[in-house]
């Protein structure tokens, strides 16, 4: 009997060791995912000198853009940078930055909107916190960021822009933030916005976390472990950020809505970080939508489309936003 017990103990011990190693692997990967979701490791805040130089360059115009004059205003606790065109504009585009970015990284996108004023800010003031040596607020994957966006829209309304003259632009996490904010704004029942242009919106923090684990190509263990690691990592991130994961879920936030704001969706059909299937579902929730499918990952649609990207944007905004004279009517619908 003793001879039989030794192999059994060995097998049992190896089994426990394997489970322990597996548990350590899952927890370690989940912790890494949680850190990336709340504090993107690739983000390096640009110096104010670099930001100001870029903004001066944008104010001068060029590349078919007329430029303008920068102003600032406060929307709640957020400082908003605002480019006013010299000629009366058709409206304003609120440009929302993506994951691990800020108001500097996405500011050149205003050149795609030569007939619109432009507004931009950094979610949660993360860039200023880092520049001042303070702990940066954790990214909340749209839960808190979308509330700030809705507040900026309200501030733009107070500055004289009817909703039908306000356009949201977002790529990557900025697209999710735009869509989550839009759902909140349409529930106010004060009319649609002028439009929303979006590309590569992650479905939720939980879905994005699992996709981070899967990476650029599938491996044999992904099928068994990626969902668990993604779920644990996103739960960990939500705890660190003080938010509910459901508040980042596009399907939950939009499911009961039929969105009246017109939409232009650039859909990266090969994307592994933002599900093309979910993008198509979100697009179907709009009463008016145009989808431009591009065989690439998100953030590369403009590169692949070339001049066609700007043409699609200008065609959409030209049809969505009435002429500048209509602003004097004060209509919000």
C-alpha atoms as a PDB file:
ATOM      1  CA  UNK A   1       0.000   0.000   0.000  1.00  0.00           C
ATOM      2  CA  UNK A   2       2.856   2.385   0.811  1.00  0.00           C
ATOM      3  CA  UNK A   3       4.252   1.863  -2.684  1.00  0.00           C
ATOM      4  CA  UNK A   4       0.924   2.927  -4.164  1.00  0.00           C
ATOM      5  CA  UNK A   5       0.576   5.999  -1.938  1.00  0.00           C
ATOM      6  CA  UNK A   6       3.816   7.626  -3.025  1.00  0.00           C
ATOM      7  CA  UNK A   7       2.845   8.029  -6.726  1.00  0.00           C
ATOM      8  CA  UNK A   8      -0.599   9.231  -5.657  1.00  0.00           C
ATOM      9  CA  UNK A   9       0.931  11.848  -3.402  1.00  0.00           C
ATOM     10  CA  UNK A  10       3.268  12.867  -6.190  1.00  0.00           C
ATOM     11  CA  UNK A  11       0.442  13.247  -8.674  1.00  0.00           C
ATOM     12  CA  UNK A  12      -1.654  15.173  -6.132  1.00  0.00           C
ATOM     13  CA  UNK A  13       1.287  17.427  -5.316  1.00  0.00           C
ATOM     14  CA  UNK A  14       1.982  18.117  -8.962  1.00  0.00           C
ATOM     15  CA  UNK A  15      -1.686  18.906  -9.471  1.00  0.00           C
ATOM     16  CA  UNK A  16      -1.686  21.441  -6.642  1.00  0.00           C
ATOM     17  CA  UNK A  17       1.553  22.927  -7.977  1.00  0.00           C
ATOM     18  CA  UNK A  18       0.055  23.268 -11.458  1.00  0.00           C
ATOM     19  CA  UNK A  19      -3.043  24.964 -10.033  1.00  0.00           C
ATOM     20  CA  UNK A  20      -0.884  27.316  -7.991  1.00  0.00           C
ATOM     21  CA  UNK A  21       1.195  28.245 -11.029  1.00  0.00           C
ATOM     22  CA  UNK A  22      -1.993  28.772 -13.051  1.00  0.00           C
ATOM     23  CA  UNK A  23      -3.486  30.955 -10.312  1.00  0.00           C
ATOM     24  CA  UNK A  24      -0.326  33.068 -10.117  1.00  0.00           C
ATOM     25  CA  UNK A  25      -0.349  33.457 -13.919  1.00  0.00           C
ATOM     26  CA  UNK A  26      -4.017  34.529 -13.984  1.00  0.00           C
ATOM     27  CA  UNK A  27      -3.650  36.997 -11.107  1.00  0.00           C
ATOM     28  CA  UNK A  28      -0.419  38.463 -12.501  1.00  0.00           C
ATOM     29  CA  UNK A  29      -1.915  38.983 -15.954  1.00  0.00           C
ATOM     30  CA  UNK A  30      -5.127  40.398 -14.466  1.00  0.00           C
ATOM     31  CA  UNK A  31      -3.137  42.874 -12.375  1.00  0.00           C
ATOM     32  CA  UNK A  32      -1.210  43.956 -15.476  1.00  0.00           C
ATOM     33  CA  UNK A  33      -4.470  44.463 -17.392  1.00  0.00           C
ATOM     34  CA  UNK A  34      -5.973  46.456 -14.510  1.00  0.00           C
ATOM     35  CA  UNK A  35      -2.961  48.755 -14.429  1.00  0.00           C
ATOM     36  CA  UNK A  36      -3.091  49.308 -18.168  1.00  0.00           C
ATOM     37  CA  UNK A  37      -6.819  50.087 -18.061  1.00  0.00           C
ATOM     38  CA  UNK A  38      -6.445  52.682 -15.310  1.00  0.00           C
ATOM     39  CA  UNK A  39      -3.004  54.141 -16.071  1.00  0.00           C
ATOM     40  CA  UNK A  40      -1.855  53.443 -19.662  1.00  0.00           C
ATOM     41  CA  UNK A  41       1.889  52.696 -19.425  1.00  0.00           C
ATOM     42  CA  UNK A  42       2.576  54.082 -22.901  1.00  0.00           C
ATOM     43  CA  UNK A  43       1.227  57.557 -22.111  1.00  0.00           C
ATOM     44  CA  UNK A  44       3.858  60.248 -21.594  1.00  0.00           C
ATOM     45  CA  UNK A  45       2.365  63.671 -20.971  1.00  0.00           C
ATOM     46  CA  UNK A  46       3.760  66.276 -23.417  1.00  0.00           C
ATOM     47  CA  UNK A  47       5.310  69.437 -22.042  1.00  0.00           C
ATOM     48  CA  UNK A  48       3.227  72.606 -22.057  1.00  0.00           C
ATOM     49  CA  UNK A  49       5.789  74.184 -24.388  1.00  0.00           C
ATOM     50  CA  UNK A  50       5.149  71.455 -26.952  1.00  0.00           C
ATOM     51  CA  UNK A  51       1.368  71.745 -26.561  1.00  0.00           C
ATOM     52  CA  UNK A  52       1.438  75.529 -26.912  1.00  0.00           C
ATOM     53  CA  UNK A  53       3.665  75.325 -29.993  1.00  0.00           C
ATOM     54  CA  UNK A  54       1.235  72.895 -31.638  1.00  0.00           C
ATOM     55  CA  UNK A  55      -1.731  75.115 -30.812  1.00  0.00           C
ATOM     56  CA  UNK A  56       0.018  78.183 -32.247  1.00  0.00           C
ATOM     57  CA  UNK A  57       0.686  76.231 -35.429  1.00  0.00           C
ATOM     58  CA  UNK A  58      -2.951  75.127 -35.652  1.00  0.00           C
ATOM     59  CA  UNK A  59      -4.125  78.705 -35.138  1.00  0.00           C
ATOM     60  CA  UNK A  60      -2.133  79.784 -38.213  1.00  0.00           C
ATOM     61  CA  UNK A  61      -4.010  77.338 -40.422  1.00  0.00           C
ATOM     62  CA  UNK A  62      -2.723  75.397 -43.392  1.00  0.00           C
ATOM     63  CA  UNK A  63      -3.433  72.134 -45.195  1.00  0.00           C
ATOM     64  CA  UNK A  64      -6.782  73.547 -46.283  1.00  0.00           C
ATOM     65  CA  UNK A  65      -7.694  74.742 -42.782  1.00  0.00           C
ATOM     66  CA  UNK A  66      -8.241  78.474 -42.178  1.00  0.00           C
ATOM     67  CA  UNK A  67      -6.979  78.448 -38.590  1.00  0.00           C
ATOM     68  CA  UNK A  68      -8.486  80.720 -35.965  1.00  0.00           C
ATOM     69  CA  UNK A  69      -8.052  82.163 -32.484  1.00  0.00           C
ATOM     70  CA  UNK A  70      -7.707  80.078 -29.319  1.00  0.00           C
ATOM     71  CA  UNK A  71      -9.783  80.865 -26.252  1.00  0.00           C
ATOM     72  CA  UNK A  72     -10.464  78.948 -23.041  1.00  0.00           C
ATOM     73  CA  UNK A  73     -13.510  78.507 -20.855  1.00  0.00           C
ATOM     74  CA  UNK A  74     -14.403  76.356 -17.885  1.00  0.00           C
ATOM     75  CA  UNK A  75     -17.037  73.631 -17.919  1.00  0.00           C
ATOM     76  CA  UNK A  76     -17.385  72.546 -14.319  1.00  0.00           C
ATOM     77  CA  UNK A  77     -13.914  71.522 -13.151  1.00  0.00           C
ATOM     78  CA  UNK A  78     -12.576  71.157 -16.707  1.00  0.00           C
ATOM     79  CA  UNK A  79     -10.735  73.759 -18.722  1.00  0.00           C
ATOM     80  CA  UNK A  80     -11.784  73.648 -22.393  1.00  0.00           C
ATOM     81  CA  UNK A  81      -9.632  74.971 -25.247  1.00  0.00           C
ATOM     82  CA  UNK A  82     -11.678  76.471 -28.035  1.00  0.00           C
ATOM     83  CA  UNK A  83     -10.639  77.517 -31.559  1.00  0.00           C
ATOM     84  CA  UNK A  84     -12.887  80.220 -32.963  1.00  0.00           C
ATOM     85  CA  UNK A  85     -12.825  80.664 -36.727  1.00  0.00           C
ATOM     86  CA  UNK A  86     -12.446  84.163 -38.177  1.00  0.00           C
ATOM     87  CA  UNK A  87     -15.510  83.682 -40.414  1.00  0.00           C
ATOM     88  CA  UNK A  88     -18.893  82.622 -38.988  1.00  0.00           C
ATOM     89  CA  UNK A  89     -18.801  78.858 -38.565  1.00  0.00           C
ATOM     90  CA  UNK A  90     -21.440  76.219 -39.176  1.00  0.00           C
ATOM     91  CA  UNK A  91     -21.075  74.969 -35.600  1.00  0.00           C
ATOM     92  CA  UNK A  92     -18.504  73.359 -33.324  1.00  0.00           C
ATOM     93  CA  UNK A  93     -16.807  69.971 -33.190  1.00  0.00           C
ATOM     94  CA  UNK A  94     -15.923  68.603 -29.754  1.00  0.00           C
ATOM     95  CA  UNK A  95     -12.870  66.387 -30.291  1.00  0.00           C
ATOM     96  CA  UNK A  96     -12.522  63.540 -27.793  1.00  0.00           C
ATOM     97  CA  UNK A  97      -9.150  61.890 -27.312  1.00  0.00           C
ATOM     98  CA  UNK A  98      -8.522  58.174 -27.151  1.00  0.00           C
ATOM     99  CA  UNK A  99      -6.971  55.802 -24.622  1.00  0.00           C
ATOM    100  CA  UNK A 100      -3.624  57.030 -23.304  1.00  0.00           C
ATOM    101  CA  UNK A 101      -3.892  60.404 -25.046  1.00  0.00           C
ATOM    102  CA  UNK A 102      -4.805  63.997 -24.177  1.00  0.00           C
ATOM    103  CA  UNK A 103      -5.854  67.316 -25.698  1.00  0.00           C
ATOM    104  CA  UNK A 104      -2.520  67.652 -27.484  1.00  0.00           C
ATOM    105  CA  UNK A 105      -2.530  64.303 -29.287  1.00  0.00           C
ATOM    106  CA  UNK A 106      -5.917  64.686 -30.917  1.00  0.00           C
ATOM    107  CA  UNK A 107      -5.831  68.453 -31.608  1.00  0.00           C
ATOM    108  CA  UNK A 108      -4.578  68.191 -35.253  1.00  0.00           C
ATOM    109  CA  UNK A 109      -7.894  66.504 -36.116  1.00  0.00           C
ATOM    110  CA  UNK A 110      -9.503  69.946 -36.184  1.00  0.00           C
ATOM    111  CA  UNK A 111      -8.051  70.374 -39.688  1.00  0.00           C
ATOM    112  CA  UNK A 112     -10.700  67.936 -40.910  1.00  0.00           C
ATOM    113  CA  UNK A 113     -13.370  70.532 -39.983  1.00  0.00           C
ATOM    114  CA  UNK A 114     -12.430  73.800 -41.716  1.00  0.00           C
ATOM    115  CA  UNK A 115     -15.972  75.239 -41.468  1.00  0.00           C
ATOM    116  CA  UNK A 116     -16.446  74.430 -37.779  1.00  0.00           C
ATOM    117  CA  UNK A 117     -15.120  75.883 -34.573  1.00  0.00           C
ATOM    118  CA  UNK A 118     -13.343  73.304 -32.421  1.00  0.00           C
ATOM    119  CA  UNK A 119     -13.296  72.448 -28.713  1.00  0.00           C
ATOM    120  CA  UNK A 120     -11.012  70.045 -26.865  1.00  0.00           C
ATOM    121  CA  UNK A 121     -10.094  69.056 -23.307  1.00  0.00           C
ATOM    122  CA  UNK A 122      -8.382  66.256 -21.395  1.00  0.00           C
ATOM    123  CA  UNK A 123     -10.612  63.903 -19.401  1.00  0.00           C
ATOM    124  CA  UNK A 124     -10.305  64.156 -15.625  1.00  0.00           C
ATOM    125  CA  UNK A 125      -7.435  66.662 -15.936  1.00  0.00           C
ATOM    126  CA  UNK A 126      -4.891  63.843 -16.086  1.00  0.00           C
ATOM    127  CA  UNK A 127      -2.320  65.810 -18.075  1.00  0.00           C
ATOM    128  CA  UNK A 128      -2.250  68.748 -15.662  1.00  0.00           C
ATOM    129  CA  UNK A 129      -1.994  66.403 -12.677  1.00  0.00           C
ATOM    130  CA  UNK A 130       1.036  64.669 -14.174  1.00  0.00           C
ATOM    131  CA  UNK A 131       2.721  67.932 -15.116  1.00  0.00           C
ATOM    132  CA  UNK A 132       2.264  69.210 -11.563  1.00  0.00           C
ATOM    133  CA  UNK A 133       3.625  66.013 -10.041  1.00  0.00           C
ATOM    134  CA  UNK A 134       0.272  64.966  -8.571  1.00  0.00           C
ATOM    135  CA  UNK A 135      -1.186  61.443  -8.838  1.00  0.00           C
ATOM    136  CA  UNK A 136      -3.187  61.259 -12.054  1.00  0.00           C
ATOM    137  CA  UNK A 137      -6.850  60.267 -11.687  1.00  0.00           C
ATOM    138  CA  UNK A 138      -7.335  56.725 -13.017  1.00  0.00           C
ATOM    139  CA  UNK A 139      -8.918  56.226 -16.420  1.00  0.00           C
ATOM    140  CA  UNK A 140     -12.505  55.028 -15.930  1.00  0.00           C
ATOM    141  CA  UNK A 141     -13.043  53.815 -19.499  1.00  0.00           C
ATOM    142  CA  UNK A 142     -15.865  56.238 -20.223  1.00  0.00           C
ATOM    143  CA  UNK A 143     -17.834  55.946 -16.977  1.00  0.00           C
ATOM    144  CA  UNK A 144     -16.753  59.344 -15.637  1.00  0.00           C
ATOM    145  CA  UNK A 145     -15.292  60.762 -18.843  1.00  0.00           C
ATOM    146  CA  UNK A 146     -18.670  60.658 -20.614  1.00  0.00           C
ATOM    147  CA  UNK A 147     -20.251  62.686 -17.806  1.00  0.00           C
ATOM    148  CA  UNK A 148     -17.618  65.374 -18.368  1.00  0.00           C
ATOM    149  CA  UNK A 149     -18.340  65.368 -22.112  1.00  0.00           C
ATOM    150  CA  UNK A 150     -22.046  65.905 -21.468  1.00  0.00           C
ATOM    151  CA  UNK A 151     -21.086  68.816 -19.217  1.00  0.00           C
ATOM    152  CA  UNK A 152     -18.964  70.387 -21.960  1.00  0.00           C
ATOM    153  CA  UNK A 153     -21.869  70.046 -24.408  1.00  0.00           C
ATOM    154  CA  UNK A 154     -24.075  71.890 -21.918  1.00  0.00           C
ATOM    155  CA  UNK A 155     -21.392  74.591 -21.649  1.00  0.00           C
ATOM    156  CA  UNK A 156     -21.262  74.944 -25.441  1.00  0.00           C
ATOM    157  CA  UNK A 157     -25.027  75.346 -25.476  1.00  0.00           C
ATOM    158  CA  UNK A 158     -24.678  78.105 -22.895  1.00  0.00           C
ATOM    159  CA  UNK A 159     -22.173  79.787 -25.237  1.00  0.00           C
ATOM    160  CA  UNK A 160     -24.818  79.993 -27.964  1.00  0.00           C
ATOM    161  CA  UNK A 161     -24.528  76.745 -29.909  1.00  0.00           C
ATOM    162  CA  UNK A 162     -27.826  74.921 -30.407  1.00  0.00           C
ATOM    163  CA  UNK A 163     -27.497  71.160 -30.101  1.00  0.00           C
ATOM    164  CA  UNK A 164     -27.986  70.715 -33.824  1.00  0.00           C
ATOM    165  CA  UNK A 165     -24.728  72.629 -34.329  1.00  0.00           C
ATOM    166  CA  UNK A 166     -22.599  70.519 -31.964  1.00  0.00           C
ATOM    167  CA  UNK A 167     -20.715  67.501 -33.361  1.00  0.00           C
ATOM    168  CA  UNK A 168     -18.818  64.863 -31.384  1.00  0.00           C
ATOM    169  CA  UNK A 169     -15.673  63.245 -32.791  1.00  0.00           C
ATOM    170  CA  UNK A 170     -13.995  60.267 -31.120  1.00  0.00           C
ATOM    171  CA  UNK A 171     -11.643  57.427 -31.997  1.00  0.00           C
ATOM    172  CA  UNK A 172     -10.791  54.371 -29.898  1.00  0.00           C
ATOM    173  CA  UNK A 173     -11.806  55.084 -26.285  1.00  0.00           C
ATOM    174  CA  UNK A 174     -12.829  58.545 -27.459  1.00  0.00           C
ATOM    175  CA  UNK A 175     -15.480  56.863 -29.607  1.00  0.00           C
ATOM    176  CA  UNK A 176     -16.853  54.958 -26.611  1.00  0.00           C
ATOM    177  CA  UNK A 177     -16.845  58.162 -24.550  1.00  0.00           C
ATOM    178  CA  UNK A 178     -18.711  59.973 -27.335  1.00  0.00           C
ATOM    179  CA  UNK A 179     -21.350  57.253 -27.606  1.00  0.00           C
ATOM    180  CA  UNK A 180     -21.844  56.957 -23.843  1.00  0.00           C
ATOM    181  CA  UNK A 181     -22.178  60.745 -23.554  1.00  0.00           C
ATOM    182  CA  UNK A 182     -24.556  60.814 -26.500  1.00  0.00           C
ATOM    183  CA  UNK A 183     -26.810  58.234 -24.819  1.00  0.00           C
ATOM    184  CA  UNK A 184     -26.923  60.429 -21.715  1.00  0.00           C
ATOM    185  CA  UNK A 185     -27.645  63.579 -23.735  1.00  0.00           C
ATOM    186  CA  UNK A 186     -30.421  62.007 -25.790  1.00  0.00           C
ATOM    187  CA  UNK A 187     -32.099  60.765 -22.611  1.00  0.00           C
ATOM    188  CA  UNK A 188     -32.438  64.425 -21.585  1.00  0.00           C
ATOM    189  CA  UNK A 189     -35.055  64.710 -24.351  1.00  0.00           C
ATOM    190  CA  UNK A 190     -33.784  68.096 -25.483  1.00  0.00           C
ATOM    191  CA  UNK A 191     -33.171  67.123 -29.086  1.00  0.00           C
ATOM    192  CA  UNK A 192     -30.364  65.438 -31.039  1.00  0.00           C
ATOM    193  CA  UNK A 193     -26.864  66.770 -31.567  1.00  0.00           C
ATOM    194  CA  UNK A 194     -25.600  67.784 -34.970  1.00  0.00           C
ATOM    195  CA  UNK A 195     -23.818  64.470 -35.435  1.00  0.00           C
ATOM    196  CA  UNK A 196     -21.258  62.012 -34.106  1.00  0.00           C
ATOM    197  CA  UNK A 197     -18.196  60.688 -35.950  1.00  0.00           C
ATOM    198  CA  UNK A 198     -16.672  57.618 -34.357  1.00  0.00           C
ATOM    199  CA  UNK A 199     -14.127  54.898 -35.028  1.00  0.00           C
ATOM    200  CA  UNK A 200     -13.122  51.806 -33.071  1.00  0.00           C
ATOM    201  CA  UNK A 201     -15.288  52.121 -29.959  1.00  0.00           C
ATOM    202  CA  UNK A 202     -14.443  49.365 -27.427  1.00  0.00           C
ATOM    203  CA  UNK A 203     -17.603  47.516 -26.395  1.00  0.00           C
ATOM    204  CA  UNK A 204     -16.884  47.792 -22.651  1.00  0.00           C
ATOM    205  CA  UNK A 205     -14.006  47.761 -20.202  1.00  0.00           C
ATOM    206  CA  UNK A 206     -14.576  44.024 -19.663  1.00  0.00           C
ATOM    207  CA  UNK A 207     -14.509  43.252 -23.395  1.00  0.00           C
ATOM    208  CA  UNK A 208     -11.461  45.464 -23.970  1.00  0.00           C
ATOM    209  CA  UNK A 209      -9.610  43.807 -21.090  1.00  0.00           C
ATOM    210  CA  UNK A 210     -10.149  40.359 -22.589  1.00  0.00           C
ATOM    211  CA  UNK A 211      -8.991  41.623 -25.976  1.00  0.00           C
ATOM    212  CA  UNK A 212      -5.850  43.065 -24.418  1.00  0.00           C
ATOM    213  CA  UNK A 213      -5.079  39.582 -23.110  1.00  0.00           C
ATOM    214  CA  UNK A 214      -5.646  38.027 -26.533  1.00  0.00           C
ATOM    215  CA  UNK A 215      -3.369  40.538 -28.243  1.00  0.00           C
ATOM    216  CA  UNK A 216      -2.645  40.555 -31.990  1.00  0.00           C
ATOM    217  CA  UNK A 217      -3.002  36.791 -32.510  1.00  0.00           C
ATOM    218  CA  UNK A 218      -4.760  33.829 -30.911  1.00  0.00           C
ATOM    219  CA  UNK A 219      -2.908  31.346 -28.721  1.00  0.00           C
ATOM    220  CA  UNK A 220      -4.048  27.945 -27.482  1.00  0.00           C
ATOM    221  CA  UNK A 221      -4.697  29.119 -23.895  1.00  0.00           C
ATOM    222  CA  UNK A 222      -6.746  32.199 -24.806  1.00  0.00           C
ATOM    223  CA  UNK A 223      -9.957  30.216 -25.173  1.00  0.00           C
ATOM    224  CA  UNK A 224      -9.739  28.975 -21.592  1.00  0.00           C
ATOM    225  CA  UNK A 225      -8.063  31.815 -19.698  1.00  0.00           C
ATOM    226  CA  UNK A 226      -8.593  35.104 -21.566  1.00  0.00           C
ATOM    227  CA  UNK A 227     -12.236  35.568 -20.417  1.00  0.00           C
ATOM    228  CA  UNK A 228     -11.319  34.958 -16.761  1.00  0.00           C
ATOM    229  CA  UNK A 229      -8.268  37.227 -16.867  1.00  0.00           C
ATOM    230  CA  UNK A 230     -10.222  39.944 -18.674  1.00  0.00           C
ATOM    231  CA  UNK A 231     -13.102  39.773 -16.211  1.00  0.00           C
ATOM    232  CA  UNK A 232     -10.823  39.833 -13.159  1.00  0.00           C
ATOM    233  CA  UNK A 233      -8.632  42.587 -14.623  1.00  0.00           C
ATOM    234  CA  UNK A 234     -11.566  44.819 -15.545  1.00  0.00           C
ATOM    235  CA  UNK A 235     -13.155  44.288 -12.110  1.00  0.00           C
ATOM    236  CA  UNK A 236      -9.845  45.214 -10.497  1.00  0.00           C
ATOM    237  CA  UNK A 237      -9.620  48.330 -12.690  1.00  0.00           C
ATOM    238  CA  UNK A 238     -13.190  49.355 -11.818  1.00  0.00           C
ATOM    239  CA  UNK A 239     -12.368  49.045  -8.131  1.00  0.00           C
ATOM    240  CA  UNK A 240      -9.240  51.175  -8.553  1.00  0.00           C
ATOM    241  CA  UNK A 241     -11.158  53.767 -10.585  1.00  0.00           C
ATOM    242  CA  UNK A 242     -14.286  53.807  -8.449  1.00  0.00           C
ATOM    243  CA  UNK A 243     -16.775  53.040 -11.188  1.00  0.00           C
ATOM    244  CA  UNK A 244     -19.271  50.377 -12.259  1.00  0.00           C
ATOM    245  CA  UNK A 245     -18.192  48.294 -15.250  1.00  0.00           C
ATOM    246  CA  UNK A 246     -21.763  48.357 -16.561  1.00  0.00           C
ATOM    247  CA  UNK A 247     -21.406  52.123 -17.047  1.00  0.00           C
ATOM    248  CA  UNK A 248     -18.766  51.423 -19.721  1.00  0.00           C
ATOM    249  CA  UNK A 249     -20.873  48.897 -21.648  1.00  0.00           C
ATOM    250  CA  UNK A 250     -22.196  50.332 -24.920  1.00  0.00           C
ATOM    251  CA  UNK A 251     -24.756  47.569 -25.320  1.00  0.00           C
ATOM    252  CA  UNK A 252     -26.267  48.235 -21.903  1.00  0.00           C
ATOM    253  CA  UNK A 253     -26.210  52.041 -22.215  1.00  0.00           C
ATOM    254  CA  UNK A 254     -27.676  52.177 -25.739  1.00  0.00           C
ATOM    255  CA  UNK A 255     -29.875  49.082 -25.909  1.00  0.00           C
ATOM    256  CA  UNK A 256     -33.159  50.890 -25.147  1.00  0.00           C
ATOM    257  CA  UNK A 257     -32.458  53.889 -27.388  1.00  0.00           C
ATOM    258  CA  UNK A 258     -33.117  54.752 -31.007  1.00  0.00           C
ATOM    259  CA  UNK A 259     -30.565  57.515 -31.466  1.00  0.00           C
ATOM    260  CA  UNK A 260     -31.715  60.585 -33.389  1.00  0.00           C
ATOM    261  CA  UNK A 261     -28.284  62.166 -33.754  1.00  0.00           C
ATOM    262  CA  UNK A 262     -26.888  61.318 -37.219  1.00  0.00           C
ATOM    263  CA  UNK A 263     -23.788  59.120 -37.269  1.00  0.00           C
ATOM    264  CA  UNK A 264     -20.725  58.515 -39.411  1.00  0.00           C
ATOM    265  CA  UNK A 265     -18.940  55.303 -38.409  1.00  0.00           C
ATOM    266  CA  UNK A 266     -15.499  54.334 -39.694  1.00  0.00           C
ATOM    267  CA  UNK A 267     -15.489  50.595 -39.062  1.00  0.00           C
ATOM    268  CA  UNK A 268     -12.111  48.839 -38.977  1.00  0.00           C
ATOM    269  CA  UNK A 269     -13.168  45.361 -40.047  1.00  0.00           C
ATOM    270  CA  UNK A 270      -9.917  43.639 -38.931  1.00  0.00           C
ATOM    271  CA  UNK A 271      -9.846  45.201 -35.473  1.00  0.00           C
ATOM    272  CA  UNK A 272      -9.091  42.930 -32.502  1.00  0.00           C
ATOM    273  CA  UNK A 273      -9.477  45.593 -29.794  1.00  0.00           C
ATOM    274  CA  UNK A 274     -12.892  46.952 -30.749  1.00  0.00           C
ATOM    275  CA  UNK A 275     -15.288  44.251 -31.937  1.00  0.00           C
ATOM    276  CA  UNK A 276     -16.521  44.908 -35.508  1.00  0.00           C
ATOM    277  CA  UNK A 277     -19.704  43.012 -34.603  1.00  0.00           C
ATOM    278  CA  UNK A 278     -20.430  45.428 -31.750  1.00  0.00           C
ATOM    279  CA  UNK A 279     -19.605  48.402 -33.995  1.00  0.00           C
ATOM    280  CA  UNK A 280     -22.214  47.228 -36.482  1.00  0.00           C
ATOM    281  CA  UNK A 281     -24.766  46.774 -33.704  1.00  0.00           C
ATOM    282  CA  UNK A 282     -24.156  50.279 -32.352  1.00  0.00           C
ATOM    283  CA  UNK A 283     -24.431  51.722 -35.864  1.00  0.00           C
ATOM    284  CA  UNK A 284     -27.813  49.997 -36.232  1.00  0.00           C
ATOM    285  CA  UNK A 285     -29.151  51.932 -33.219  1.00  0.00           C
ATOM    286  CA  UNK A 286     -28.984  55.232 -35.141  1.00  0.00           C
ATOM    287  CA  UNK A 287     -31.921  56.409 -37.219  1.00  0.00           C
ATOM    288  CA  UNK A 288     -29.444  57.962 -39.652  1.00  0.00           C
ATOM    289  CA  UNK A 289     -26.035  56.346 -40.086  1.00  0.00           C
ATOM    290  CA  UNK A 290     -23.365  55.893 -42.712  1.00  0.00           C
ATOM    291  CA  UNK A 291     -20.761  53.190 -42.138  1.00  0.00           C
ATOM    292  CA  UNK A 292     -17.447  53.210 -44.004  1.00  0.00           C
ATOM    293  CA  UNK A 293     -15.774  49.803 -43.610  1.00  0.00           C
ATOM    294  CA  UNK A 294     -11.988  49.720 -43.916  1.00  0.00           C
ATOM    295  CA  UNK A 295      -9.894  46.497 -43.836  1.00  0.00           C
ATOM    296  CA  UNK A 296      -7.579  47.544 -41.003  1.00  0.00           C
ATOM    297  CA  UNK A 297      -7.386  48.085 -37.247  1.00  0.00           C
ATOM    298  CA  UNK A 298      -8.914  51.182 -35.674  1.00  0.00           C
ATOM    299  CA  UNK A 299      -6.810  54.351 -35.670  1.00  0.00           C
ATOM    300  CA  UNK A 300      -5.641  53.463 -39.187  1.00  0.00           C
ATOM    301  CA  UNK A 301      -8.810  54.235 -41.161  1.00  0.00           C
ATOM    302  CA  UNK A 302      -7.663  57.749 -42.070  1.00  0.00           C
ATOM    303  CA  UNK A 303      -4.288  56.417 -43.169  1.00  0.00           C
ATOM    304  CA  UNK A 304      -5.844  53.763 -45.414  1.00  0.00           C
ATOM    305  CA  UNK A 305      -8.550  56.004 -46.870  1.00  0.00           C
ATOM    306  CA  UNK A 306      -6.260  58.967 -47.511  1.00  0.00           C
ATOM    307  CA  UNK A 307      -8.160  61.913 -48.960  1.00  0.00           C
ATOM    308  CA  UNK A 308     -11.341  59.843 -48.843  1.00  0.00           C
ATOM    309  CA  UNK A 309     -11.419  60.134 -45.071  1.00  0.00           C
ATOM    310  CA  UNK A 310     -11.629  63.920 -45.064  1.00  0.00           C
ATOM    311  CA  UNK A 311     -14.105  63.852 -47.933  1.00  0.00           C
ATOM    312  CA  UNK A 312     -16.435  61.572 -45.960  1.00  0.00           C
ATOM    313  CA  UNK A 313     -16.157  63.788 -42.867  1.00  0.00           C
ATOM    314  CA  UNK A 314     -16.826  67.017 -44.753  1.00  0.00           C
ATOM    315  CA  UNK A 315     -19.735  65.499 -46.670  1.00  0.00           C
ATOM    316  CA  UNK A 316     -21.319  64.339 -43.413  1.00  0.00           C
ATOM    317  CA  UNK A 317     -20.881  67.585 -41.506  1.00  0.00           C
ATOM    318  CA  UNK A 318     -22.019  69.605 -44.502  1.00  0.00           C
ATOM    319  CA  UNK A 319     -25.302  67.711 -44.592  1.00  0.00           C
ATOM    320  CA  UNK A 320     -25.812  67.595 -40.820  1.00  0.00           C
ATOM    321  CA  UNK A 321     -25.186  71.161 -39.693  1.00  0.00           C
ATOM    322  CA  UNK A 322     -27.314  74.025 -41.032  1.00  0.00           C
ATOM    323  CA  UNK A 323     -25.799  77.241 -42.369  1.00  0.00           C
ATOM    324  CA  UNK A 324     -24.375  79.728 -39.814  1.00  0.00           C
ATOM    325  CA  UNK A 325     -27.406  82.025 -40.153  1.00  0.00           C
ATOM    326  CA  UNK A 326     -29.555  79.302 -38.555  1.00  0.00           C
ATOM    327  CA  UNK A 327     -27.697  79.748 -35.254  1.00  0.00           C
ATOM    328  CA  UNK A 328     -29.397  83.061 -34.722  1.00  0.00           C
ATOM    329  CA  UNK A 329     -32.737  81.265 -34.413  1.00  0.00           C
ATOM    330  CA  UNK A 330     -31.664  79.756 -31.091  1.00  0.00           C
ATOM    331  CA  UNK A 331     -33.319  76.433 -31.928  1.00  0.00           C
ATOM    332  CA  UNK A 332     -31.976  73.416 -30.000  1.00  0.00           C
ATOM    333  CA  UNK A 333     -33.693  70.751 -32.043  1.00  0.00           C
END
